Amino acid sequence: MNFFDRLHDRIASVDSIVSVGLDPDPKRIPDHLAEYDLPRWAFNRRIIDATHEHAAVYKPNAAFYEDPDGWRALEETVAYAHGKGVPVLLDAKRADIGNTTRQYAQILETVDAITVNPYMGRDSLQPFLAEEEAGVFVLCRTSNPGGADLQDLELASGEPLYERVAALADTWNANDNVGLVVGATNPDELEEVRELAPDLPFLVPGIGAQGGDAEAAVEHGLADGVGLVNSSRGIIFAGEDAGEEFAAAAGQAAAKLQSRLNQYRE
């Protein structure tokens, strides 16, 4: 089965479309974990133990792991998540050309899906797209305010750039492994992108700390019931002031988001 078939089964088995972002900022990891060899791994393991019953996927952001101990922590995290039956989507926003992008794509031997940047065009994404069993989420309309600097630029056709990206991604989906990253902070844009790409599952960030629209994220983010709504800081740091009980608070936050989103699912 390809990634989206596996994701469909995972969503059905846990009745959840929650993506838990594993972004273990070293400055925010509880002090009592500092004694461990890999504090980020120690933190993630406890978060996974507390949230896996509510998680459709885990989404570690590569930025929090890009040092020797970090890559070790990520490797342990991926293996542990897989041991709990949860797929892993690496938020890396990769793309390049030639040997470089082929090298980047080798990470799909370890994780189940990845985010990619379409700015360099299809050839920069081809090694990812060619991995039939992996998921490839193309950045389309991001939730950060500065995303408008480029994504809202009007093309000669009259359409904004993010709409062209959505239409192109739809044509790149020959292996049924392409999804889109579309933020929850503008519901109207979510709806527009869904109309352009009716069959592509969305990864919808911006719920939680960024205050995105949960109802719109569910209504427009799912394709045949498959899609993901992500929360990172809102879950993993929900117990930031709870000391050794931080993981229990994260579990409660994940369960709360699951329930909140499920009220809008059919």
C-alpha atoms as a PDB file:
ATOM      1  CA  MET A   1       0.000   0.000   0.000  1.00  0.00           C
ATOM      2  CA  ASN A   2       1.160   3.541  -0.614  1.00  0.00           C
ATOM      3  CA  PHE A   3       1.375   6.145   2.121  1.00  0.00           C
ATOM      4  CA  PHE A   4      -2.146   7.466   1.740  1.00  0.00           C
ATOM      5  CA  ASP A   5      -3.633   3.969   1.859  1.00  0.00           C
ATOM      6  CA  ARG A   6      -1.715   3.348   5.073  1.00  0.00           C
ATOM      7  CA  LEU A   7      -2.763   6.730   6.403  1.00  0.00           C
ATOM      8  CA  HIS A   8      -6.399   5.931   5.595  1.00  0.00           C
ATOM      9  CA  ASP A   9      -6.133   2.772   7.691  1.00  0.00           C
ATOM     10  CA  ARG A  10      -4.402   4.602  10.523  1.00  0.00           C
ATOM     11  CA  ILE A  11      -7.072   7.323  10.584  1.00  0.00           C
ATOM     12  CA  ALA A  12      -9.783   4.669  10.692  1.00  0.00           C
ATOM     13  CA  SER A  13      -8.096   2.651  13.436  1.00  0.00           C
ATOM     14  CA  VAL A  14      -7.636   5.562  15.868  1.00  0.00           C
ATOM     15  CA  ASP A  15     -10.525   7.732  14.628  1.00  0.00           C
ATOM     16  CA  SER A  16      -8.211  10.714  14.360  1.00  0.00           C
ATOM     17  CA  ILE A  17      -6.736  13.063  11.774  1.00  0.00           C
ATOM     18  CA  VAL A  18      -4.374  14.683  14.282  1.00  0.00           C
ATOM     19  CA  SER A  19      -0.770  15.203  13.232  1.00  0.00           C
ATOM     20  CA  VAL A  20       1.427  15.677  16.285  1.00  0.00           C
ATOM     21  CA  GLY A  21       4.408  17.859  15.487  1.00  0.00           C
ATOM     22  CA  LEU A  22       7.521  16.621  17.279  1.00  0.00           C
ATOM     23  CA  ASP A  23       9.578  19.804  17.497  1.00  0.00           C
ATOM     24  CA  PRO A  24      11.640  19.349  20.683  1.00  0.00           C
ATOM     25  CA  ASP A  25      13.106  22.809  21.141  1.00  0.00           C
ATOM     26  CA  PRO A  26      16.035  22.189  23.535  1.00  0.00           C
ATOM     27  CA  LYS A  27      15.231  25.431  25.367  1.00  0.00           C
ATOM     28  CA  ARG A  28      11.757  24.125  26.242  1.00  0.00           C
ATOM     29  CA  ILE A  29      12.519  20.507  27.158  1.00  0.00           C
ATOM     30  CA  PRO A  30      11.923  19.906  30.887  1.00  0.00           C
ATOM     31  CA  ASP A  31      15.039  20.278  33.015  1.00  0.00           C
ATOM     32  CA  HIS A  32      14.779  16.784  34.482  1.00  0.00           C
ATOM     33  CA  LEU A  33      15.476  15.275  31.033  1.00  0.00           C
ATOM     34  CA  ALA A  34      18.815  17.077  30.671  1.00  0.00           C
ATOM     35  CA  GLU A  35      20.647  14.181  32.347  1.00  0.00           C
ATOM     36  CA  TYR A  36      19.794  11.807  29.501  1.00  0.00           C
ATOM     37  CA  ASP A  37      22.253  11.034  26.713  1.00  0.00           C
ATOM     38  CA  LEU A  38      19.724  12.248  24.123  1.00  0.00           C
ATOM     39  CA  PRO A  39      17.292  14.647  25.830  1.00  0.00           C
ATOM     40  CA  ARG A  40      15.294  15.222  22.637  1.00  0.00           C
ATOM     41  CA  TRP A  41      14.748  11.496  22.249  1.00  0.00           C
ATOM     42  CA  ALA A  42      13.829  11.171  25.929  1.00  0.00           C
ATOM     43  CA  PHE A  43      11.295  13.965  25.465  1.00  0.00           C
ATOM     44  CA  ASN A  44       9.840  12.523  22.259  1.00  0.00           C
ATOM     45  CA  ARG A  45       9.510   9.029  23.715  1.00  0.00           C
ATOM     46  CA  ARG A  46       7.376  10.326  26.552  1.00  0.00           C
ATOM     47  CA  ILE A  47       5.291  12.435  24.172  1.00  0.00           C
ATOM     48  CA  ILE A  48       4.717   9.415  21.919  1.00  0.00           C
ATOM     49  CA  ASP A  49       3.740   7.226  24.877  1.00  0.00           C
ATOM     50  CA  ALA A  50       1.168   9.831  25.923  1.00  0.00           C
ATOM     51  CA  THR A  51      -0.252  10.718  22.498  1.00  0.00           C
ATOM     52  CA  HIS A  52      -0.021   7.723  20.162  1.00  0.00           C
ATOM     53  CA  GLU A  53      -3.638   6.686  20.727  1.00  0.00           C
ATOM     54  CA  HIS A  54      -4.707  10.065  19.341  1.00  0.00           C
ATOM     55  CA  ALA A  55      -2.134  10.495  16.550  1.00  0.00           C
ATOM     56  CA  ALA A  56      -2.747   9.722  12.895  1.00  0.00           C
ATOM     57  CA  VAL A  57       0.861  10.675  12.193  1.00  0.00           C
ATOM     58  CA  TYR A  58       3.908  12.185  13.862  1.00  0.00           C
ATOM     59  CA  LYS A  59       5.542  15.135  12.129  1.00  0.00           C
ATOM     60  CA  PRO A  60       9.068  15.901  13.315  1.00  0.00           C
ATOM     61  CA  ASN A  61      10.525  19.084  11.860  1.00  0.00           C
ATOM     62  CA  ALA A  62      14.077  18.475  10.622  1.00  0.00           C
ATOM     63  CA  ALA A  63      15.251  21.845  11.948  1.00  0.00           C
ATOM     64  CA  PHE A  64      15.174  20.513  15.505  1.00  0.00           C
ATOM     65  CA  TYR A  65      17.454  17.570  14.695  1.00  0.00           C
ATOM     66  CA  GLU A  66      20.203  18.930  12.454  1.00  0.00           C
ATOM     67  CA  ASP A  67      23.225  18.073  14.561  1.00  0.00           C
ATOM     68  CA  PRO A  68      24.853  14.701  15.362  1.00  0.00           C
ATOM     69  CA  ASP A  69      22.877  14.023  18.550  1.00  0.00           C
ATOM     70  CA  GLY A  70      19.763  15.348  16.863  1.00  0.00           C
ATOM     71  CA  TRP A  71      19.936  12.873  13.994  1.00  0.00           C
ATOM     72  CA  ARG A  72      20.401  10.072  16.514  1.00  0.00           C
ATOM     73  CA  ALA A  73      17.373  11.333  18.416  1.00  0.00           C
ATOM     74  CA  LEU A  74      15.342  11.491  15.217  1.00  0.00           C
ATOM     75  CA  GLU A  75      16.328   7.959  14.233  1.00  0.00           C
ATOM     76  CA  GLU A  76      15.229   6.644  17.626  1.00  0.00           C
ATOM     77  CA  THR A  77      12.021   8.673  17.429  1.00  0.00           C
ATOM     78  CA  VAL A  78      11.060   7.312  14.012  1.00  0.00           C
ATOM     79  CA  ALA A  79      11.699   3.733  15.069  1.00  0.00           C
ATOM     80  CA  TYR A  80       9.691   4.167  18.260  1.00  0.00           C
ATOM     81  CA  ALA A  81       6.751   5.775  16.454  1.00  0.00           C
ATOM     82  CA  HIS A  82       6.746   2.916  13.953  1.00  0.00           C
ATOM     83  CA  GLY A  83       6.763   0.487  16.854  1.00  0.00           C
ATOM     84  CA  LYS A  84       3.527   2.111  18.024  1.00  0.00           C
ATOM     85  CA  GLY A  85       2.060   1.727  14.537  1.00  0.00           C
ATOM     86  CA  VAL A  86       2.174   5.459  13.752  1.00  0.00           C
ATOM     87  CA  PRO A  87       3.573   6.702  10.417  1.00  0.00           C
ATOM     88  CA  VAL A  88       6.130   9.507  10.377  1.00  0.00           C
ATOM     89  CA  LEU A  89       6.021  12.561   8.126  1.00  0.00           C
ATOM     90  CA  LEU A  90       9.315  14.463   8.086  1.00  0.00           C
ATOM     91  CA  ASP A  91       8.762  18.193   7.761  1.00  0.00           C
ATOM     92  CA  ALA A  92      11.941  19.001   5.834  1.00  0.00           C
ATOM     93  CA  LYS A  93      10.728  21.170   2.928  1.00  0.00           C
ATOM     94  CA  ARG A  94      13.377  19.671   0.674  1.00  0.00           C
ATOM     95  CA  ALA A  95      14.062  20.253  -3.021  1.00  0.00           C
ATOM     96  CA  ASP A  96      17.084  20.654  -5.247  1.00  0.00           C
ATOM     97  CA  ILE A  97      18.350  19.241  -8.524  1.00  0.00           C
ATOM     98  CA  GLY A  98      20.481  16.354  -9.730  1.00  0.00           C
ATOM     99  CA  ASN A  99      22.455  14.325  -7.228  1.00  0.00           C
ATOM    100  CA  THR A 100      21.495  16.628  -4.387  1.00  0.00           C
ATOM    101  CA  THR A 101      17.768  15.997  -4.564  1.00  0.00           C
ATOM    102  CA  ARG A 102      18.347  12.287  -5.116  1.00  0.00           C
ATOM    103  CA  GLN A 103      20.383  12.306  -1.911  1.00  0.00           C
ATOM    104  CA  TYR A 104      17.633  14.155  -0.052  1.00  0.00           C
ATOM    105  CA  ALA A 105      15.071  11.615  -1.240  1.00  0.00           C
ATOM    106  CA  GLN A 106      16.975   8.765   0.408  1.00  0.00           C
ATOM    107  CA  ILE A 107      15.398   9.798   3.726  1.00  0.00           C
ATOM    108  CA  LEU A 108      12.221   8.163   2.429  1.00  0.00           C
ATOM    109  CA  GLU A 109      13.849   4.832   3.179  1.00  0.00           C
ATOM    110  CA  THR A 110      13.437   5.785   6.866  1.00  0.00           C
ATOM    111  CA  VAL A 111      10.310   7.944   7.099  1.00  0.00           C
ATOM    112  CA  ASP A 112       6.920   7.482   5.473  1.00  0.00           C
ATOM    113  CA  ALA A 113       6.375  10.935   3.977  1.00  0.00           C
ATOM    114  CA  ILE A 114       8.061  14.301   3.563  1.00  0.00           C
ATOM    115  CA  THR A 115       7.270  17.929   2.842  1.00  0.00           C
ATOM    116  CA  VAL A 116       8.869  19.445  -0.274  1.00  0.00           C
ATOM    117  CA  ASN A 117       9.289  22.917  -1.747  1.00  0.00           C
ATOM    118  CA  PRO A 118       8.064  23.329  -5.350  1.00  0.00           C
ATOM    119  CA  TYR A 119       9.923  26.571  -6.085  1.00  0.00           C
ATOM    120  CA  MET A 120      12.549  24.856  -8.288  1.00  0.00           C
ATOM    121  CA  GLY A 121       9.982  22.969 -10.356  1.00  0.00           C
ATOM    122  CA  ARG A 122       9.142  19.375 -11.068  1.00  0.00           C
ATOM    123  CA  ASP A 123      12.651  18.074 -11.763  1.00  0.00           C
ATOM    124  CA  SER A 124      13.670  19.099  -8.253  1.00  0.00           C
ATOM    125  CA  LEU A 125      10.888  16.910  -6.857  1.00  0.00           C
ATOM    126  CA  GLN A 126      11.041  13.962  -9.223  1.00  0.00           C
ATOM    127  CA  PRO A 127      13.111  11.653  -6.944  1.00  0.00           C
ATOM    128  CA  PHE A 128      10.484  12.139  -4.222  1.00  0.00           C
ATOM    129  CA  LEU A 129       7.537  11.701  -6.577  1.00  0.00           C
ATOM    130  CA  ALA A 130       9.095   8.505  -7.932  1.00  0.00           C
ATOM    131  CA  GLU A 131       8.919   6.858  -4.492  1.00  0.00           C
ATOM    132  CA  GLU A 132       5.507   5.276  -5.004  1.00  0.00           C
ATOM    133  CA  GLU A 133       5.025   4.110  -1.419  1.00  0.00           C
ATOM    134  CA  ALA A 134       5.987   7.456   0.158  1.00  0.00           C
ATOM    135  CA  GLY A 135       3.862  10.539   0.712  1.00  0.00           C
ATOM    136  CA  VAL A 136       5.006  13.845  -0.779  1.00  0.00           C
ATOM    137  CA  PHE A 137       3.373  16.985   0.620  1.00  0.00           C
ATOM    138  CA  VAL A 138       4.007  20.010  -1.598  1.00  0.00           C
ATOM    139  CA  LEU A 139       4.082  23.437   0.032  1.00  0.00           C
ATOM    140  CA  CYS A 140       1.179  25.375  -1.437  1.00  0.00           C
ATOM    141  CA  ARG A 141      -0.301  28.033   0.861  1.00  0.00           C
ATOM    142  CA  THR A 142       1.528  28.278   4.143  1.00  0.00           C
ATOM    143  CA  SER A 143       0.092  29.652   7.374  1.00  0.00           C
ATOM    144  CA  ASN A 144       2.808  32.214   8.145  1.00  0.00           C
ATOM    145  CA  PRO A 145       2.011  35.880   7.341  1.00  0.00           C
ATOM    146  CA  GLY A 146       5.095  36.246   5.126  1.00  0.00           C
ATOM    147  CA  GLY A 147       3.879  33.462   2.869  1.00  0.00           C
ATOM    148  CA  ALA A 148       1.872  36.097   1.012  1.00  0.00           C
ATOM    149  CA  ASP A 149       5.089  37.777  -0.171  1.00  0.00           C
ATOM    150  CA  LEU A 150       5.434  35.170  -2.927  1.00  0.00           C
ATOM    151  CA  GLN A 151       2.428  32.874  -2.746  1.00  0.00           C
ATOM    152  CA  ASP A 152      -0.083  35.663  -3.400  1.00  0.00           C
ATOM    153  CA  LEU A 153       1.764  37.081  -6.415  1.00  0.00           C
ATOM    154  CA  GLU A 154      -0.585  37.373  -9.386  1.00  0.00           C
ATOM    155  CA  LEU A 155       0.496  35.572 -12.536  1.00  0.00           C
ATOM    156  CA  ALA A 156      -0.199  36.726 -16.077  1.00  0.00           C
ATOM    157  CA  SER A 157      -3.174  34.347 -16.097  1.00  0.00           C
ATOM    158  CA  GLY A 158      -4.691  36.290 -13.207  1.00  0.00           C
ATOM    159  CA  GLU A 159      -4.334  33.465 -10.682  1.00  0.00           C
ATOM    160  CA  PRO A 160      -2.162  33.749  -7.560  1.00  0.00           C
ATOM    161  CA  LEU A 161       0.985  31.660  -7.483  1.00  0.00           C
ATOM    162  CA  TYR A 162      -0.315  29.300  -4.777  1.00  0.00           C
ATOM    163  CA  GLU A 163      -3.239  28.318  -7.007  1.00  0.00           C
ATOM    164  CA  ARG A 164      -0.836  27.451  -9.834  1.00  0.00           C
ATOM    165  CA  VAL A 165       1.164  25.315  -7.405  1.00  0.00           C
ATOM    166  CA  ALA A 166      -2.015  23.436  -6.445  1.00  0.00           C
ATOM    167  CA  ALA A 167      -2.901  22.812 -10.088  1.00  0.00           C
ATOM    168  CA  LEU A 168       0.631  21.653 -10.911  1.00  0.00           C
ATOM    169  CA  ALA A 169       0.770  19.321  -7.918  1.00  0.00           C
ATOM    170  CA  ASP A 170      -2.433  17.720  -9.121  1.00  0.00           C
ATOM    171  CA  THR A 171      -0.724  16.881 -12.430  1.00  0.00           C
ATOM    172  CA  TRP A 172       2.322  15.483 -10.574  1.00  0.00           C
ATOM    173  CA  ASN A 173       0.197  12.882  -8.797  1.00  0.00           C
ATOM    174  CA  ALA A 174       0.810  10.008 -11.221  1.00  0.00           C
ATOM    175  CA  ASN A 175       1.633   7.660  -8.337  1.00  0.00           C
ATOM    176  CA  ASP A 176      -1.226   8.776  -6.074  1.00  0.00           C
ATOM    177  CA  ASN A 177       1.326   9.909  -3.510  1.00  0.00           C
ATOM    178  CA  VAL A 178       1.022  13.713  -3.598  1.00  0.00           C
ATOM    179  CA  GLY A 179      -0.586  15.925  -0.989  1.00  0.00           C
ATOM    180  CA  LEU A 180      -0.566  19.666  -0.331  1.00  0.00           C
ATOM    181  CA  VAL A 181       0.410  21.815   2.636  1.00  0.00           C
ATOM    182  CA  VAL A 182      -2.331  24.405   3.058  1.00  0.00           C
ATOM    183  CA  GLY A 183      -2.585  26.492   6.221  1.00  0.00           C
ATOM    184  CA  ALA A 184      -5.695  26.811   8.346  1.00  0.00           C
ATOM    185  CA  THR A 185      -5.376  30.537   8.938  1.00  0.00           C
ATOM    186  CA  ASN A 186      -7.400  31.543   5.852  1.00  0.00           C
ATOM    187  CA  PRO A 187     -10.507  29.355   5.365  1.00  0.00           C
ATOM    188  CA  ASP A 188     -11.408  30.917   2.005  1.00  0.00           C
ATOM    189  CA  GLU A 189      -8.041  29.972   0.535  1.00  0.00           C
ATOM    190  CA  LEU A 190      -8.389  26.445   1.886  1.00  0.00           C
ATOM    191  CA  GLU A 191     -11.672  26.151   0.029  1.00  0.00           C
ATOM    192  CA  GLU A 192     -10.184  27.564  -3.189  1.00  0.00           C
ATOM    193  CA  VAL A 193      -7.294  25.104  -3.150  1.00  0.00           C
ATOM    194  CA  ARG A 194      -9.653  22.214  -2.499  1.00  0.00           C
ATOM    195  CA  GLU A 195     -11.619  23.144  -5.622  1.00  0.00           C
ATOM    196  CA  LEU A 196      -8.415  23.135  -7.679  1.00  0.00           C
ATOM    197  CA  ALA A 197      -7.149  19.821  -6.283  1.00  0.00           C
ATOM    198  CA  PRO A 198     -10.221  17.821  -5.281  1.00  0.00           C
ATOM    199  CA  ASP A 199      -8.405  14.514  -4.822  1.00  0.00           C
ATOM    200  CA  LEU A 200      -5.244  15.541  -2.964  1.00  0.00           C
ATOM    201  CA  PRO A 201      -5.079  15.110   0.817  1.00  0.00           C
ATOM    202  CA  PHE A 202      -3.969  18.203   2.698  1.00  0.00           C
ATOM    203  CA  LEU A 203      -1.607  18.652   5.602  1.00  0.00           C
ATOM    204  CA  VAL A 204      -3.121  21.616   7.400  1.00  0.00           C
ATOM    205  CA  PRO A 205      -0.861  23.476   9.852  1.00  0.00           C
ATOM    206  CA  GLY A 206      -1.830  26.542  11.831  1.00  0.00           C
ATOM    207  CA  ILE A 207      -4.207  24.936  14.334  1.00  0.00           C
ATOM    208  CA  GLY A 208      -3.312  25.705  17.924  1.00  0.00           C
ATOM    209  CA  ALA A 209      -0.614  28.298  18.495  1.00  0.00           C
ATOM    210  CA  GLN A 210      -1.412  30.074  15.203  1.00  0.00           C
ATOM    211  CA  GLY A 211      -5.173  30.096  15.800  1.00  0.00           C
ATOM    212  CA  GLY A 212      -6.321  28.477  12.552  1.00  0.00           C
ATOM    213  CA  ASP A 213      -9.903  27.535  11.710  1.00  0.00           C
ATOM    214  CA  ALA A 214     -10.495  23.933  12.830  1.00  0.00           C
ATOM    215  CA  GLU A 215     -13.842  23.553  11.077  1.00  0.00           C
ATOM    216  CA  ALA A 216     -12.455  24.744   7.732  1.00  0.00           C
ATOM    217  CA  ALA A 217      -9.393  22.539   8.176  1.00  0.00           C
ATOM    218  CA  VAL A 218     -11.619  19.470   8.408  1.00  0.00           C
ATOM    219  CA  GLU A 219     -14.186  20.514   5.820  1.00  0.00           C
ATOM    220  CA  HIS A 220     -11.634  21.321   3.124  1.00  0.00           C
ATOM    221  CA  GLY A 221      -8.545  19.407   4.250  1.00  0.00           C
ATOM    222  CA  LEU A 222      -9.805  15.875   3.709  1.00  0.00           C
ATOM    223  CA  ALA A 223     -10.012  13.969   0.438  1.00  0.00           C
ATOM    224  CA  ASP A 224     -12.207  10.887   0.828  1.00  0.00           C
ATOM    225  CA  GLY A 225     -11.644  11.129   4.551  1.00  0.00           C
ATOM    226  CA  VAL A 226      -7.850  11.327   4.300  1.00  0.00           C
ATOM    227  CA  GLY A 227      -5.926  14.363   5.463  1.00  0.00           C
ATOM    228  CA  LEU A 228      -4.048  15.704   8.467  1.00  0.00           C
ATOM    229  CA  VAL A 229      -4.444  18.649  10.805  1.00  0.00           C
ATOM    230  CA  ASN A 230      -1.247  19.474  12.647  1.00  0.00           C
ATOM    231  CA  SER A 231      -0.513  20.884  16.054  1.00  0.00           C
ATOM    232  CA  SER A 232       3.020  21.029  17.395  1.00  0.00           C
ATOM    233  CA  ARG A 233       3.602  23.453  20.265  1.00  0.00           C
ATOM    234  CA  GLY A 234      -0.047  23.314  21.312  1.00  0.00           C
ATOM    235  CA  ILE A 235       0.363  19.625  22.128  1.00  0.00           C
ATOM    236  CA  ILE A 236       3.965  18.875  23.031  1.00  0.00           C
ATOM    237  CA  PHE A 237       4.384  21.939  25.251  1.00  0.00           C
ATOM    238  CA  ALA A 238       0.910  21.878  26.763  1.00  0.00           C
ATOM    239  CA  GLY A 239       2.560  20.752  30.021  1.00  0.00           C
ATOM    240  CA  GLU A 240       5.539  23.059  29.847  1.00  0.00           C
ATOM    241  CA  ASP A 241       4.944  24.190  33.442  1.00  0.00           C
ATOM    242  CA  ALA A 242       3.907  20.755  34.696  1.00  0.00           C
ATOM    243  CA  GLY A 243       7.372  19.390  35.431  1.00  0.00           C
ATOM    244  CA  GLU A 244       7.508  15.612  35.255  1.00  0.00           C
ATOM    245  CA  GLU A 245       3.808  15.516  34.304  1.00  0.00           C
ATOM    246  CA  PHE A 246       4.453  17.279  30.987  1.00  0.00           C
ATOM    247  CA  ALA A 247       3.649  14.204  28.892  1.00  0.00           C
ATOM    248  CA  ALA A 248       0.271  13.651  30.531  1.00  0.00           C
ATOM    249  CA  ALA A 249      -0.676  17.227  29.642  1.00  0.00           C
ATOM    250  CA  ALA A 250       0.405  16.597  26.050  1.00  0.00           C
ATOM    251  CA  GLY A 251      -1.802  13.513  25.922  1.00  0.00           C
ATOM    252  CA  GLN A 252      -4.748  15.517  27.158  1.00  0.00           C
ATOM    253  CA  ALA A 253      -4.101  18.228  24.563  1.00  0.00           C
ATOM    254  CA  ALA A 254      -3.935  15.652  21.761  1.00  0.00           C
ATOM    255  CA  ALA A 255      -7.172  14.034  22.919  1.00  0.00           C
ATOM    256  CA  LYS A 256      -8.839  17.444  23.101  1.00  0.00           C
ATOM    257  CA  LEU A 257      -7.783  18.329  19.550  1.00  0.00           C
ATOM    258  CA  GLN A 258      -8.915  14.927  18.293  1.00  0.00           C
ATOM    259  CA  SER A 259     -12.353  15.487  19.805  1.00  0.00           C
ATOM    260  CA  ARG A 260     -12.527  19.043  18.487  1.00  0.00           C
ATOM    261  CA  LEU A 261     -11.742  17.971  14.937  1.00  0.00           C
ATOM    262  CA  ASN A 262     -13.960  14.896  15.006  1.00  0.00           C
ATOM    263  CA  GLN A 263     -17.057  16.977  15.638  1.00  0.00           C
ATOM    264  CA  TYR A 264     -16.657  18.321  12.086  1.00  0.00           C
ATOM    265  CA  ARG A 265     -15.910  14.989  10.390  1.00  0.00           C
ATOM    266  CA  GLU A 266     -18.720  13.175   8.636  1.00  0.00           C
END
